[in-house]
Amino acid sequence: MSKLILIPVMVLIAGFLFTACEPTEFDSRRNFRGTWEVEEYSYRLPLPSYYQSRIILDEFNEENIFIENFYDAGIEISAMVIGSKVFIPYQQIGIFEILDGYGGYSENMISMSYVVRVNISEQQVITDTLEAYYTKRY
């Protein structure tokens, strides 16, 4: 009778051991997700800008994130995360063109550099080179 009980118990223990050994994948984009306080420095303006931004994960692409209120312009851009690095490809949203950008995450802070062109009219185009420091709020 004890062998009948011992075999199912051994199978159950073995099952727990094998499932516990499976590696779990870490989605590095989770480091970027959240609400951030942004300190942004423009090469055109003497004083920094301060605002909030939110970063969410793209549920349809496991490499992408969305950055809301980018450039304090109320626009949402997409970016690609590889490990602790973030890359912003060219994109146009309304009058704003994000020419390129890159950055990285370290210890609840994101630092990024990017170039934004604002097409106010055919005669008035402003190109802005920026550095931004995102500090995690929550």
C-alpha atoms as a PDB file:
ATOM      1  CA  MET A   1       0.000   0.000   0.000  1.00  0.00           C
ATOM      2  CA  SER A   2       2.837   2.407   0.708  1.00  0.00           C
ATOM      3  CA  LYS A   3       4.233   1.922  -2.834  1.00  0.00           C
ATOM      4  CA  LEU A   4       0.876   3.020  -4.266  1.00  0.00           C
ATOM      5  CA  ILE A   5       1.097   6.310  -2.385  1.00  0.00           C
ATOM      6  CA  LEU A   6       4.829   6.809  -2.890  1.00  0.00           C
ATOM      7  CA  ILE A   7       4.747   6.698  -6.716  1.00  0.00           C
ATOM      8  CA  PRO A   8       2.180   9.524  -7.195  1.00  0.00           C
ATOM      9  CA  VAL A   9       3.992  11.646  -4.599  1.00  0.00           C
ATOM     10  CA  MET A  10       7.330  11.160  -6.431  1.00  0.00           C
ATOM     11  CA  VAL A  11       5.707  12.085  -9.767  1.00  0.00           C
ATOM     12  CA  LEU A  12       4.214  15.211  -8.203  1.00  0.00           C
ATOM     13  CA  ILE A  13       7.551  16.279  -6.691  1.00  0.00           C
ATOM     14  CA  ALA A  14       9.354  15.694  -9.989  1.00  0.00           C
ATOM     15  CA  GLY A  15       6.762  17.822 -11.774  1.00  0.00           C
ATOM     16  CA  PHE A  16       7.352  20.722  -9.386  1.00  0.00           C
ATOM     17  CA  LEU A  17      11.125  20.443  -9.778  1.00  0.00           C
ATOM     18  CA  PHE A  18      11.037  20.529 -13.574  1.00  0.00           C
ATOM     19  CA  THR A  19       8.624  23.473 -13.788  1.00  0.00           C
ATOM     20  CA  ALA A  20      10.625  25.411 -11.196  1.00  0.00           C
ATOM     21  CA  CYS A  21      13.766  25.044 -13.327  1.00  0.00           C
ATOM     22  CA  GLU A  22      12.268  26.643 -16.437  1.00  0.00           C
ATOM     23  CA  PRO A  23      13.856  30.033 -17.115  1.00  0.00           C
ATOM     24  CA  THR A  24      11.523  33.014 -17.030  1.00  0.00           C
ATOM     25  CA  GLU A  25      11.987  35.683 -19.657  1.00  0.00           C
ATOM     26  CA  PHE A  26      12.351  39.268 -18.486  1.00  0.00           C
ATOM     27  CA  ASP A  27      10.843  41.919 -20.730  1.00  0.00           C
ATOM     28  CA  SER A  28      13.387  44.754 -20.495  1.00  0.00           C
ATOM     29  CA  ARG A  29      10.708  47.198 -21.677  1.00  0.00           C
ATOM     30  CA  ARG A  30       9.200  46.951 -18.178  1.00  0.00           C
ATOM     31  CA  ASN A  31      12.041  49.167 -16.922  1.00  0.00           C
ATOM     32  CA  PHE A  32      10.771  51.938 -19.203  1.00  0.00           C
ATOM     33  CA  ARG A  33       7.057  51.607 -18.335  1.00  0.00           C
ATOM     34  CA  GLY A  34       5.603  54.183 -15.968  1.00  0.00           C
ATOM     35  CA  THR A  35       5.086  57.869 -15.335  1.00  0.00           C
ATOM     36  CA  TRP A  36       8.196  60.019 -15.562  1.00  0.00           C
ATOM     37  CA  GLU A  37       9.278  63.526 -14.575  1.00  0.00           C
ATOM     38  CA  VAL A  38      11.159  64.975 -17.544  1.00  0.00           C
ATOM     39  CA  GLU A  39      13.911  67.583 -17.481  1.00  0.00           C
ATOM     40  CA  GLU A  40      14.565  68.551 -21.097  1.00  0.00           C
ATOM     41  CA  TYR A  41      17.385  70.733 -22.407  1.00  0.00           C
ATOM     42  CA  SER A  42      17.147  72.378 -25.817  1.00  0.00           C
ATOM     43  CA  TYR A  43      20.165  73.716 -27.685  1.00  0.00           C
ATOM     44  CA  ARG A  44      17.896  76.573 -28.817  1.00  0.00           C
ATOM     45  CA  LEU A  45      16.614  77.717 -25.416  1.00  0.00           C
ATOM     46  CA  PRO A  46      18.607  78.890 -22.372  1.00  0.00           C
ATOM     47  CA  LEU A  47      16.420  77.207 -19.716  1.00  0.00           C
ATOM     48  CA  PRO A  48      15.280  73.588 -19.383  1.00  0.00           C
ATOM     49  CA  SER A  49      11.665  72.478 -19.690  1.00  0.00           C
ATOM     50  CA  TYR A  50       9.984  70.397 -17.010  1.00  0.00           C
ATOM     51  CA  TYR A  51       6.974  68.192 -17.664  1.00  0.00           C
ATOM     52  CA  GLN A  52       5.519  64.719 -17.174  1.00  0.00           C
ATOM     53  CA  SER A  53       5.505  61.878 -19.656  1.00  0.00           C
ATOM     54  CA  ARG A  54       4.135  58.358 -19.583  1.00  0.00           C
ATOM     55  CA  ILE A  55       5.615  55.286 -21.229  1.00  0.00           C
ATOM     56  CA  ILE A  56       3.468  52.282 -22.066  1.00  0.00           C
ATOM     57  CA  LEU A  57       4.285  48.953 -23.709  1.00  0.00           C
ATOM     58  CA  ASP A  58       3.176  48.162 -27.248  1.00  0.00           C
ATOM     59  CA  GLU A  59       1.064  45.047 -26.780  1.00  0.00           C
ATOM     60  CA  PHE A  60       1.382  44.076 -30.458  1.00  0.00           C
ATOM     61  CA  ASN A  61       5.172  44.419 -30.838  1.00  0.00           C
ATOM     62  CA  GLU A  62       7.400  43.000 -28.114  1.00  0.00           C
ATOM     63  CA  GLU A  63      10.249  45.434 -28.878  1.00  0.00           C
ATOM     64  CA  ASN A  64       8.297  48.713 -28.923  1.00  0.00           C
ATOM     65  CA  ILE A  65       7.109  51.227 -26.374  1.00  0.00           C
ATOM     66  CA  PHE A  66       4.993  54.364 -26.706  1.00  0.00           C
ATOM     67  CA  ILE A  67       6.098  57.651 -25.132  1.00  0.00           C
ATOM     68  CA  GLU A  68       3.165  59.941 -24.367  1.00  0.00           C
ATOM     69  CA  ASN A  69       3.512  63.733 -24.167  1.00  0.00           C
ATOM     70  CA  PHE A  70       6.848  63.539 -25.962  1.00  0.00           C
ATOM     71  CA  TYR A  71       8.619  66.914 -26.287  1.00  0.00           C
ATOM     72  CA  ASP A  72       5.858  68.308 -24.016  1.00  0.00           C
ATOM     73  CA  ALA A  73       3.803  68.583 -27.197  1.00  0.00           C
ATOM     74  CA  GLY A  74       0.983  66.196 -26.279  1.00  0.00           C
ATOM     75  CA  ILE A  75       2.074  63.749 -28.979  1.00  0.00           C
ATOM     76  CA  GLU A  76       2.689  60.015 -28.688  1.00  0.00           C
ATOM     77  CA  ILE A  77       5.701  58.504 -30.413  1.00  0.00           C
ATOM     78  CA  SER A  78       6.944  54.945 -30.713  1.00  0.00           C
ATOM     79  CA  ALA A  79      10.425  53.748 -29.811  1.00  0.00           C
ATOM     80  CA  MET A  80      12.258  50.435 -29.870  1.00  0.00           C
ATOM     81  CA  VAL A  81      13.871  48.937 -26.765  1.00  0.00           C
ATOM     82  CA  ILE A  82      16.809  46.552 -26.947  1.00  0.00           C
ATOM     83  CA  GLY A  83      18.047  45.618 -23.486  1.00  0.00           C
ATOM     84  CA  SER A  84      18.628  48.882 -21.636  1.00  0.00           C
ATOM     85  CA  LYS A  85      18.838  50.991 -24.816  1.00  0.00           C
ATOM     86  CA  VAL A  86      16.022  52.882 -26.524  1.00  0.00           C
ATOM     87  CA  PHE A  87      15.994  53.965 -30.176  1.00  0.00           C
ATOM     88  CA  ILE A  88      13.589  56.500 -31.674  1.00  0.00           C
ATOM     89  CA  PRO A  89      13.109  56.074 -35.425  1.00  0.00           C
ATOM     90  CA  TYR A  90      11.994  58.838 -37.792  1.00  0.00           C
ATOM     91  CA  GLN A  91       8.300  59.611 -37.471  1.00  0.00           C
ATOM     92  CA  GLN A  92       5.970  62.487 -38.258  1.00  0.00           C
ATOM     93  CA  ILE A  93       2.992  63.402 -36.100  1.00  0.00           C
ATOM     94  CA  GLY A  94       1.144  66.509 -37.269  1.00  0.00           C
ATOM     95  CA  ILE A  95       3.574  69.410 -37.503  1.00  0.00           C
ATOM     96  CA  PHE A  96       6.256  67.500 -35.538  1.00  0.00           C
ATOM     97  CA  GLU A  97       8.956  65.393 -37.162  1.00  0.00           C
ATOM     98  CA  ILE A  98      11.128  63.322 -34.876  1.00  0.00           C
ATOM     99  CA  LEU A  99      14.255  62.904 -36.978  1.00  0.00           C
ATOM    100  CA  ASP A 100      16.024  60.401 -34.735  1.00  0.00           C
ATOM    101  CA  GLY A 101      16.875  59.676 -31.143  1.00  0.00           C
ATOM    102  CA  TYR A 102      18.522  57.265 -28.773  1.00  0.00           C
ATOM    103  CA  GLY A 103      19.058  56.754 -25.072  1.00  0.00           C
ATOM    104  CA  GLY A 104      19.343  54.335 -22.232  1.00  0.00           C
ATOM    105  CA  TYR A 105      17.877  53.208 -18.925  1.00  0.00           C
ATOM    106  CA  SER A 106      19.847  52.965 -15.691  1.00  0.00           C
ATOM    107  CA  GLU A 107      18.626  52.908 -12.064  1.00  0.00           C
ATOM    108  CA  ASN A 108      15.126  54.394 -12.551  1.00  0.00           C
ATOM    109  CA  MET A 109      16.395  57.047 -14.952  1.00  0.00           C
ATOM    110  CA  ILE A 110      16.281  57.351 -18.727  1.00  0.00           C
ATOM    111  CA  SER A 111      18.585  59.703 -20.576  1.00  0.00           C
ATOM    112  CA  MET A 112      17.817  60.467 -24.215  1.00  0.00           C
ATOM    113  CA  SER A 113      19.056  62.651 -27.046  1.00  0.00           C
ATOM    114  CA  TYR A 114      16.845  63.450 -30.021  1.00  0.00           C
ATOM    115  CA  VAL A 115      16.178  65.896 -32.820  1.00  0.00           C
ATOM    116  CA  VAL A 116      12.722  67.379 -33.444  1.00  0.00           C
ATOM    117  CA  ARG A 117      11.682  69.514 -36.407  1.00  0.00           C
ATOM    118  CA  VAL A 118       8.564  71.661 -36.042  1.00  0.00           C
ATOM    119  CA  ASN A 119       6.964  72.616 -39.365  1.00  0.00           C
ATOM    120  CA  ILE A 120       4.991  75.715 -38.413  1.00  0.00           C
ATOM    121  CA  SER A 121       4.557  76.763 -42.051  1.00  0.00           C
ATOM    122  CA  GLU A 122       6.410  76.326 -45.341  1.00  0.00           C
ATOM    123  CA  GLN A 123       8.470  79.398 -44.503  1.00  0.00           C
ATOM    124  CA  GLN A 124       8.933  78.664 -40.802  1.00  0.00           C
ATOM    125  CA  VAL A 125      10.618  75.409 -39.763  1.00  0.00           C
ATOM    126  CA  ILE A 126      12.372  75.011 -36.422  1.00  0.00           C
ATOM    127  CA  THR A 127      14.871  72.229 -35.811  1.00  0.00           C
ATOM    128  CA  ASP A 128      15.580  71.496 -32.149  1.00  0.00           C
ATOM    129  CA  THR A 129      18.311  69.235 -30.744  1.00  0.00           C
ATOM    130  CA  LEU A 130      17.517  68.074 -27.227  1.00  0.00           C
ATOM    131  CA  GLU A 131      18.742  66.078 -24.265  1.00  0.00           C
ATOM    132  CA  ALA A 132      16.218  64.795 -21.763  1.00  0.00           C
ATOM    133  CA  TYR A 133      16.441  63.106 -18.393  1.00  0.00           C
ATOM    134  CA  TYR A 134      13.451  61.041 -17.322  1.00  0.00           C
ATOM    135  CA  THR A 135      13.168  60.300 -13.594  1.00  0.00           C
ATOM    136  CA  LYS A 136      10.651  57.632 -12.575  1.00  0.00           C
ATOM    137  CA  ARG A 137       7.717  58.997 -10.652  1.00  0.00           C
ATOM    138  CA  TYR A 138       5.682  55.760 -10.397  1.00  0.00           C
END
